[in-house]
Amino acid sequence: MGYKIDFKFDDLKKIYLEYKKKFKSNTYKYVSEILKDAKKFHKKAFFNSEDVKNAIKKGKNVDHEQSWRAFKGKNFEKLIQYIIENQVKLLNLEIINGNILERSKNLSEDLSKVKRNLAIDYGEFGLHLPDVDIVIYNPKTYDVIAVISAKVTLRERIAQTGYWKLKLKQDKVTENIKVYFITPDEDGTLTHKKPTKKGRAIVEVDLDGSYILTKERVEEDNKVKTFDKFIKDLKKIIK
């Protein structure tokens, strides 16, 4: 059950901005700590929620972890979009949450064109959008430049992201769309190149790249890099 909790994305953003005052351009390294801080406030708001209090009075089991996982997953992608949005717009590109293209019934004409340029053709089974969290596109041509899956851990969707890249490559309209994975990689799946874990193998072979928000040392190469290099690489592909 979804309980009404008085802890929203803006509250997570405030915590991020407090860290940014201290760590400035290195704030991305502390995203895991930001999420840990947010969890404490979320838990307090959870148990102060009237919905939760009423559920407890009725003898129902309430699970803060489940509520937190749902919040963290949805709002981590929002945080990534917030962090990169201004820099993306400075490149004369636009950025949008993938769910808006997927679920909105009254898209503007411009966004309808973007949606069509991202859709995968399944023949007699119709056109369907890939499951991506963030879409970056050119507002003049409506061409999709890149899509991002933003997940706290790789096991949430790395193989699925690889599948979407393969499907996008199969059509002339979508073959040039870059597919990226952005994560704090809390499981350490991407940190080492050898011995190679499954998640890193998928990134190396099937994706256009992955960017990691971490303080840990990362064995970088052309496909796996720290998050601070994302905008620099985006500039390269639009030249």
C-alpha atoms as a PDB file:
ATOM      1  CA  MET A   1       0.000   0.000   0.000  1.00  0.00           C
ATOM      2  CA  GLY A   2       1.194   3.528  -0.800  1.00  0.00           C
ATOM      3  CA  TYR A   3       1.109   5.725   2.294  1.00  0.00           C
ATOM      4  CA  LYS A   4       0.989   9.495   2.144  1.00  0.00           C
ATOM      5  CA  ILE A   5       4.429  10.571   3.406  1.00  0.00           C
ATOM      6  CA  ASP A   6       5.495  14.159   4.050  1.00  0.00           C
ATOM      7  CA  PHE A   7       8.917  13.726   2.445  1.00  0.00           C
ATOM      8  CA  LYS A   8       9.179  14.637  -1.219  1.00  0.00           C
ATOM      9  CA  PHE A   9      11.785  15.108  -3.928  1.00  0.00           C
ATOM     10  CA  ASP A  10      12.260  18.738  -2.865  1.00  0.00           C
ATOM     11  CA  ASP A  11      13.395  17.469   0.542  1.00  0.00           C
ATOM     12  CA  LEU A  12      15.971  15.216  -1.107  1.00  0.00           C
ATOM     13  CA  LYS A  13      17.078  18.131  -3.280  1.00  0.00           C
ATOM     14  CA  LYS A  14      17.619  20.303  -0.180  1.00  0.00           C
ATOM     15  CA  ILE A  15      19.947  17.665   1.270  1.00  0.00           C
ATOM     16  CA  TYR A  16      21.839  17.525  -2.035  1.00  0.00           C
ATOM     17  CA  LEU A  17      22.214  21.324  -2.079  1.00  0.00           C
ATOM     18  CA  GLU A  18      23.561  21.312   1.492  1.00  0.00           C
ATOM     19  CA  TYR A  19      26.233  18.827   0.403  1.00  0.00           C
ATOM     20  CA  LYS A  20      26.937  20.948  -2.679  1.00  0.00           C
ATOM     21  CA  LYS A  21      27.781  23.957  -0.500  1.00  0.00           C
ATOM     22  CA  LYS A  22      30.582  21.906   1.015  1.00  0.00           C
ATOM     23  CA  PHE A  23      31.770  19.653  -1.807  1.00  0.00           C
ATOM     24  CA  LYS A  24      30.914  21.777  -4.877  1.00  0.00           C
ATOM     25  CA  SER A  25      31.831  19.939  -8.111  1.00  0.00           C
ATOM     26  CA  ASN A  26      32.700  16.794  -6.138  1.00  0.00           C
ATOM     27  CA  THR A  27      29.200  16.456  -4.678  1.00  0.00           C
ATOM     28  CA  TYR A  28      28.441  13.555  -7.029  1.00  0.00           C
ATOM     29  CA  LYS A  29      30.892  11.433  -5.021  1.00  0.00           C
ATOM     30  CA  TYR A  30      28.622  11.701  -1.977  1.00  0.00           C
ATOM     31  CA  VAL A  31      25.294  10.665  -3.487  1.00  0.00           C
ATOM     32  CA  SER A  32      25.219   7.446  -1.441  1.00  0.00           C
ATOM     33  CA  GLU A  33      25.699   9.502   1.736  1.00  0.00           C
ATOM     34  CA  ILE A  34      23.000  11.927   0.594  1.00  0.00           C
ATOM     35  CA  LEU A  35      20.613   8.999   0.171  1.00  0.00           C
ATOM     36  CA  LYS A  36      21.518   7.651   3.625  1.00  0.00           C
ATOM     37  CA  ASP A  37      20.737  11.039   5.169  1.00  0.00           C
ATOM     38  CA  ALA A  38      17.491  11.211   3.209  1.00  0.00           C
ATOM     39  CA  LYS A  39      16.499   7.773   4.466  1.00  0.00           C
ATOM     40  CA  LYS A  40      16.643   8.973   8.099  1.00  0.00           C
ATOM     41  CA  PHE A  41      14.312  11.892   7.369  1.00  0.00           C
ATOM     42  CA  HIS A  42      12.061   9.710   5.232  1.00  0.00           C
ATOM     43  CA  LYS A  43      11.759   7.171   8.062  1.00  0.00           C
ATOM     44  CA  LYS A  44      10.786   9.872  10.541  1.00  0.00           C
ATOM     45  CA  ALA A  45       8.166  11.216   8.106  1.00  0.00           C
ATOM     46  CA  PHE A  46       6.956   7.673   7.441  1.00  0.00           C
ATOM     47  CA  PHE A  47       6.170   6.923  11.086  1.00  0.00           C
ATOM     48  CA  ASN A  48       4.692  10.407  11.572  1.00  0.00           C
ATOM     49  CA  SER A  49       2.301   9.830   8.674  1.00  0.00           C
ATOM     50  CA  GLU A  50      -1.349   9.622   9.686  1.00  0.00           C
ATOM     51  CA  ASP A  51      -1.808   6.838   7.127  1.00  0.00           C
ATOM     52  CA  VAL A  52       0.925   4.770   8.762  1.00  0.00           C
ATOM     53  CA  LYS A  53      -0.310   5.499  12.303  1.00  0.00           C
ATOM     54  CA  ASN A  54      -3.810   4.387  11.332  1.00  0.00           C
ATOM     55  CA  ALA A  55      -2.457   1.227   9.702  1.00  0.00           C
ATOM     56  CA  ILE A  56      -0.525   0.375  12.874  1.00  0.00           C
ATOM     57  CA  LYS A  57      -3.632   0.965  15.000  1.00  0.00           C
ATOM     58  CA  LYS A  58      -5.476  -1.524  12.784  1.00  0.00           C
ATOM     59  CA  GLY A  59      -2.770  -4.096  13.419  1.00  0.00           C
ATOM     60  CA  LYS A  60      -1.366  -3.998   9.897  1.00  0.00           C
ATOM     61  CA  ASN A  61       2.294  -4.637   9.186  1.00  0.00           C
ATOM     62  CA  VAL A  62       3.981  -1.484   7.915  1.00  0.00           C
ATOM     63  CA  ASP A  63       7.291  -1.751   6.096  1.00  0.00           C
ATOM     64  CA  HIS A  64       9.429   1.376   5.948  1.00  0.00           C
ATOM     65  CA  GLU A  65      12.093  -0.382   3.857  1.00  0.00           C
ATOM     66  CA  GLN A  66       9.586  -1.082   1.111  1.00  0.00           C
ATOM     67  CA  SER A  67       8.396   2.516   1.143  1.00  0.00           C
ATOM     68  CA  TRP A  68      11.971   3.811   1.116  1.00  0.00           C
ATOM     69  CA  ARG A  69      13.028   1.571  -1.789  1.00  0.00           C
ATOM     70  CA  ALA A  70      10.157   2.905  -3.888  1.00  0.00           C
ATOM     71  CA  PHE A  71      11.002   6.505  -2.978  1.00  0.00           C
ATOM     72  CA  LYS A  72      14.728   6.037  -3.575  1.00  0.00           C
ATOM     73  CA  GLY A  73      14.284   4.437  -6.982  1.00  0.00           C
ATOM     74  CA  LYS A  74      11.913   7.070  -8.312  1.00  0.00           C
ATOM     75  CA  ASN A  75      13.725  10.061  -6.850  1.00  0.00           C
ATOM     76  CA  PHE A  76      17.285   9.009  -7.656  1.00  0.00           C
ATOM     77  CA  GLU A  77      16.475   9.401 -11.349  1.00  0.00           C
ATOM     78  CA  LYS A  78      14.927  12.820 -10.596  1.00  0.00           C
ATOM     79  CA  LEU A  79      18.089  13.827  -8.758  1.00  0.00           C
ATOM     80  CA  ILE A  80      20.288  12.853 -11.704  1.00  0.00           C
ATOM     81  CA  GLN A  81      18.069  14.852 -14.049  1.00  0.00           C
ATOM     82  CA  TYR A  82      18.235  17.836 -11.689  1.00  0.00           C
ATOM     83  CA  ILE A  83      22.047  17.658 -11.488  1.00  0.00           C
ATOM     84  CA  ILE A  84      22.635  17.585 -15.250  1.00  0.00           C
ATOM     85  CA  GLU A  85      19.684  19.644 -16.510  1.00  0.00           C
ATOM     86  CA  ASN A  86      21.300  23.084 -16.673  1.00  0.00           C
ATOM     87  CA  GLN A  87      24.454  21.751 -18.324  1.00  0.00           C
ATOM     88  CA  VAL A  88      22.389  19.851 -20.904  1.00  0.00           C
ATOM     89  CA  LYS A  89      20.423  23.009 -21.740  1.00  0.00           C
ATOM     90  CA  LEU A  90      23.656  24.985 -22.153  1.00  0.00           C
ATOM     91  CA  LEU A  91      24.403  22.587 -25.026  1.00  0.00           C
ATOM     92  CA  ASN A  92      21.111  23.689 -26.647  1.00  0.00           C
ATOM     93  CA  LEU A  93      19.531  20.346 -25.857  1.00  0.00           C
ATOM     94  CA  GLU A  94      16.421  19.500 -23.828  1.00  0.00           C
ATOM     95  CA  ILE A  95      15.917  16.863 -21.159  1.00  0.00           C
ATOM     96  CA  ILE A  96      12.754  15.096 -20.043  1.00  0.00           C
ATOM     97  CA  ASN A  97      11.740  12.262 -17.749  1.00  0.00           C
ATOM     98  CA  GLY A  98      10.988   9.127 -19.767  1.00  0.00           C
ATOM     99  CA  ASN A  99       7.739   8.541 -17.865  1.00  0.00           C
ATOM    100  CA  ILE A 100       6.285  11.739 -19.309  1.00  0.00           C
ATOM    101  CA  LEU A 101       6.664  10.399 -22.844  1.00  0.00           C
ATOM    102  CA  GLU A 102       5.370   6.995 -21.780  1.00  0.00           C
ATOM    103  CA  ARG A 103       2.322   7.982 -19.740  1.00  0.00           C
ATOM    104  CA  SER A 104       1.146  11.447 -20.750  1.00  0.00           C
ATOM    105  CA  LYS A 105      -1.954  11.359 -22.941  1.00  0.00           C
ATOM    106  CA  ASN A 106      -1.815  15.009 -23.988  1.00  0.00           C
ATOM    107  CA  LEU A 107       1.732  15.534 -25.212  1.00  0.00           C
ATOM    108  CA  SER A 108       2.616  18.711 -27.073  1.00  0.00           C
ATOM    109  CA  GLU A 109       3.277  18.388 -30.805  1.00  0.00           C
ATOM    110  CA  ASP A 110       7.017  18.721 -30.153  1.00  0.00           C
ATOM    111  CA  LEU A 111       7.088  15.949 -27.548  1.00  0.00           C
ATOM    112  CA  SER A 112       4.946  13.730 -29.770  1.00  0.00           C
ATOM    113  CA  LYS A 113       7.675  13.999 -32.405  1.00  0.00           C
ATOM    114  CA  VAL A 114      10.334  13.151 -29.801  1.00  0.00           C
ATOM    115  CA  LYS A 115       8.273  10.150 -28.724  1.00  0.00           C
ATOM    116  CA  ARG A 116       7.972   8.918 -32.308  1.00  0.00           C
ATOM    117  CA  ASN A 117      11.746   9.274 -32.759  1.00  0.00           C
ATOM    118  CA  LEU A 118      12.356   7.068 -29.716  1.00  0.00           C
ATOM    119  CA  ALA A 119       9.725   4.408 -30.338  1.00  0.00           C
ATOM    120  CA  ILE A 120      10.763   0.867 -31.266  1.00  0.00           C
ATOM    121  CA  ASP A 121       8.862  -0.811 -34.061  1.00  0.00           C
ATOM    122  CA  TYR A 122       7.581  -4.275 -33.139  1.00  0.00           C
ATOM    123  CA  GLY A 123       5.885  -4.771 -36.501  1.00  0.00           C
ATOM    124  CA  GLU A 124       2.329  -6.034 -36.165  1.00  0.00           C
ATOM    125  CA  PHE A 125       2.604  -5.537 -32.376  1.00  0.00           C
ATOM    126  CA  GLY A 126       2.992  -1.779 -32.697  1.00  0.00           C
ATOM    127  CA  LEU A 127       5.388   0.953 -31.609  1.00  0.00           C
ATOM    128  CA  HIS A 128       6.623   0.872 -28.006  1.00  0.00           C
ATOM    129  CA  LEU A 129       8.970   3.101 -26.018  1.00  0.00           C
ATOM    130  CA  PRO A 130      12.023   1.630 -24.316  1.00  0.00           C
ATOM    131  CA  ASP A 131      12.003   1.732 -20.508  1.00  0.00           C
ATOM    132  CA  VAL A 132      14.374   4.632 -19.843  1.00  0.00           C
ATOM    133  CA  ASP A 133      14.433   7.201 -17.065  1.00  0.00           C
ATOM    134  CA  ILE A 134      15.824  10.289 -18.816  1.00  0.00           C
ATOM    135  CA  VAL A 135      15.663  11.380 -22.450  1.00  0.00           C
ATOM    136  CA  ILE A 136      17.968  14.024 -23.966  1.00  0.00           C
ATOM    137  CA  TYR A 137      16.891  15.440 -27.327  1.00  0.00           C
ATOM    138  CA  ASN A 138      17.512  18.205 -29.841  1.00  0.00           C
ATOM    139  CA  PRO A 139      14.560  20.656 -29.631  1.00  0.00           C
ATOM    140  CA  LYS A 140      15.144  21.870 -33.213  1.00  0.00           C
ATOM    141  CA  THR A 141      15.077  18.489 -34.945  1.00  0.00           C
ATOM    142  CA  TYR A 142      13.295  16.402 -32.240  1.00  0.00           C
ATOM    143  CA  ASP A 143      16.039  13.810 -32.640  1.00  0.00           C
ATOM    144  CA  VAL A 144      16.797  11.832 -29.488  1.00  0.00           C
ATOM    145  CA  ILE A 145      20.495  12.168 -28.679  1.00  0.00           C
ATOM    146  CA  ALA A 146      20.745   9.916 -25.631  1.00  0.00           C
ATOM    147  CA  VAL A 147      18.705   8.003 -23.085  1.00  0.00           C
ATOM    148  CA  ILE A 148      19.714   7.239 -19.517  1.00  0.00           C
ATOM    149  CA  SER A 149      18.807   4.547 -17.041  1.00  0.00           C
ATOM    150  CA  ALA A 150      19.508   5.949 -13.581  1.00  0.00           C
ATOM    151  CA  LYS A 151      19.541   3.237 -10.907  1.00  0.00           C
ATOM    152  CA  VAL A 152      21.066   2.936  -7.443  1.00  0.00           C
ATOM    153  CA  THR A 153      22.274  -0.607  -8.161  1.00  0.00           C
ATOM    154  CA  LEU A 154      22.930  -2.372 -11.450  1.00  0.00           C
ATOM    155  CA  ARG A 155      20.863  -5.422 -10.720  1.00  0.00           C
ATOM    156  CA  GLU A 156      17.748  -3.286 -10.910  1.00  0.00           C
ATOM    157  CA  ARG A 157      17.961  -2.955 -14.678  1.00  0.00           C
ATOM    158  CA  ILE A 158      21.359  -3.291 -16.340  1.00  0.00           C
ATOM    159  CA  ALA A 159      20.496  -6.304 -18.526  1.00  0.00           C
ATOM    160  CA  GLN A 160      17.204  -4.693 -19.549  1.00  0.00           C
ATOM    161  CA  THR A 161      19.070  -1.524 -20.529  1.00  0.00           C
ATOM    162  CA  GLY A 162      21.353  -3.641 -22.699  1.00  0.00           C
ATOM    163  CA  TYR A 163      18.284  -5.126 -24.387  1.00  0.00           C
ATOM    164  CA  TRP A 164      16.914  -1.679 -25.231  1.00  0.00           C
ATOM    165  CA  LYS A 165      20.227  -0.631 -26.757  1.00  0.00           C
ATOM    166  CA  LEU A 166      20.159  -3.675 -29.025  1.00  0.00           C
ATOM    167  CA  LYS A 167      16.558  -2.914 -30.093  1.00  0.00           C
ATOM    168  CA  LEU A 168      17.339   0.755 -30.791  1.00  0.00           C
ATOM    169  CA  LYS A 169      20.281  -0.267 -33.007  1.00  0.00           C
ATOM    170  CA  GLN A 170      17.994  -2.344 -35.236  1.00  0.00           C
ATOM    171  CA  ASP A 171      16.100   0.626 -36.728  1.00  0.00           C
ATOM    172  CA  LYS A 172      17.442   3.451 -38.926  1.00  0.00           C
ATOM    173  CA  VAL A 173      15.438   6.038 -36.961  1.00  0.00           C
ATOM    174  CA  THR A 174      16.865   5.039 -33.570  1.00  0.00           C
ATOM    175  CA  GLU A 175      20.237   3.443 -34.377  1.00  0.00           C
ATOM    176  CA  ASN A 176      22.298   6.490 -33.358  1.00  0.00           C
ATOM    177  CA  ILE A 177      20.692   7.007 -29.958  1.00  0.00           C
ATOM    178  CA  LYS A 178      23.251   6.611 -27.173  1.00  0.00           C
ATOM    179  CA  VAL A 179      22.246   4.492 -24.196  1.00  0.00           C
ATOM    180  CA  TYR A 180      23.869   5.217 -20.839  1.00  0.00           C
ATOM    181  CA  PHE A 181      23.630   3.850 -17.315  1.00  0.00           C
ATOM    182  CA  ILE A 182      24.198   6.198 -14.360  1.00  0.00           C
ATOM    183  CA  THR A 183      24.601   4.754 -10.869  1.00  0.00           C
ATOM    184  CA  PRO A 184      26.388   5.105  -7.524  1.00  0.00           C
ATOM    185  CA  ASP A 185      27.156   1.382  -8.024  1.00  0.00           C
ATOM    186  CA  GLU A 186      26.726   0.602  -4.349  1.00  0.00           C
ATOM    187  CA  ASP A 187      27.388  -3.095  -5.018  1.00  0.00           C
ATOM    188  CA  GLY A 188      30.786  -2.359  -6.614  1.00  0.00           C
ATOM    189  CA  THR A 189      29.855  -4.182  -9.816  1.00  0.00           C
ATOM    190  CA  LEU A 190      31.548  -1.674 -12.135  1.00  0.00           C
ATOM    191  CA  THR A 191      34.535  -0.696 -10.028  1.00  0.00           C
ATOM    192  CA  HIS A 192      36.995  -3.299 -11.321  1.00  0.00           C
ATOM    193  CA  LYS A 193      37.615  -4.258 -14.926  1.00  0.00           C
ATOM    194  CA  LYS A 194      39.222  -7.599 -14.071  1.00  0.00           C
ATOM    195  CA  PRO A 195      37.871  -9.978 -12.894  1.00  0.00           C
ATOM    196  CA  THR A 196      34.864  -8.729 -14.821  1.00  0.00           C
ATOM    197  CA  LYS A 197      31.451  -8.992 -13.183  1.00  0.00           C
ATOM    198  CA  LYS A 198      28.375  -9.558 -15.338  1.00  0.00           C
ATOM    199  CA  GLY A 199      27.124  -5.972 -15.017  1.00  0.00           C
ATOM    200  CA  ARG A 200      30.400  -4.520 -16.232  1.00  0.00           C
ATOM    201  CA  ALA A 201      30.508  -6.995 -19.106  1.00  0.00           C
ATOM    202  CA  ILE A 202      27.066  -5.796 -20.232  1.00  0.00           C
ATOM    203  CA  VAL A 203      28.176  -2.169 -20.055  1.00  0.00           C
ATOM    204  CA  GLU A 204      31.404  -2.890 -21.971  1.00  0.00           C
ATOM    205  CA  VAL A 205      29.722  -4.858 -24.753  1.00  0.00           C
ATOM    206  CA  ASP A 206      26.129  -3.657 -25.044  1.00  0.00           C
ATOM    207  CA  LEU A 207      25.902  -0.037 -23.796  1.00  0.00           C
ATOM    208  CA  ASP A 208      27.475   3.235 -24.874  1.00  0.00           C
ATOM    209  CA  GLY A 209      28.756   3.876 -21.385  1.00  0.00           C
ATOM    210  CA  SER A 210      28.188   4.047 -17.659  1.00  0.00           C
ATOM    211  CA  TYR A 211      28.950   6.880 -15.250  1.00  0.00           C
ATOM    212  CA  ILE A 212      29.503   6.233 -11.562  1.00  0.00           C
ATOM    213  CA  LEU A 213      28.839   8.523  -8.599  1.00  0.00           C
ATOM    214  CA  THR A 214      31.357   7.330  -6.026  1.00  0.00           C
ATOM    215  CA  LYS A 215      34.365   8.176  -3.865  1.00  0.00           C
ATOM    216  CA  GLU A 216      35.843   4.758  -4.607  1.00  0.00           C
ATOM    217  CA  ARG A 217      38.624   4.314  -7.120  1.00  0.00           C
ATOM    218  CA  VAL A 218      37.189   3.149 -10.443  1.00  0.00           C
ATOM    219  CA  GLU A 219      39.166   1.283 -13.103  1.00  0.00           C
ATOM    220  CA  GLU A 220      38.061   3.524 -15.955  1.00  0.00           C
ATOM    221  CA  ASP A 221      38.100   2.975 -19.691  1.00  0.00           C
ATOM    222  CA  ASN A 222      36.093   4.264 -22.667  1.00  0.00           C
ATOM    223  CA  LYS A 223      32.866   2.715 -21.374  1.00  0.00           C
ATOM    224  CA  VAL A 224      33.076   3.076 -17.580  1.00  0.00           C
ATOM    225  CA  LYS A 225      33.896   6.473 -16.062  1.00  0.00           C
ATOM    226  CA  THR A 226      33.168   8.646 -13.066  1.00  0.00           C
ATOM    227  CA  PHE A 227      30.060  10.825 -13.310  1.00  0.00           C
ATOM    228  CA  ASP A 228      31.932  14.118 -13.709  1.00  0.00           C
ATOM    229  CA  LYS A 229      32.859  13.089 -17.269  1.00  0.00           C
ATOM    230  CA  PHE A 230      29.285  12.672 -18.511  1.00  0.00           C
ATOM    231  CA  ILE A 231      28.714  16.191 -19.863  1.00  0.00           C
ATOM    232  CA  LYS A 232      32.138  16.231 -21.489  1.00  0.00           C
ATOM    233  CA  ASP A 233      31.272  13.034 -23.358  1.00  0.00           C
ATOM    234  CA  LEU A 234      27.835  14.373 -24.289  1.00  0.00           C
ATOM    235  CA  LYS A 235      29.529  17.379 -25.901  1.00  0.00           C
ATOM    236  CA  LYS A 236      31.616  15.015 -28.036  1.00  0.00           C
ATOM    237  CA  ILE A 237      28.642  13.191 -29.521  1.00  0.00           C
ATOM    238  CA  ILE A 238      26.809  16.352 -30.610  1.00  0.00           C
ATOM    239  CA  LYS A 239      29.763  17.872 -32.442  1.00  0.00           C
END
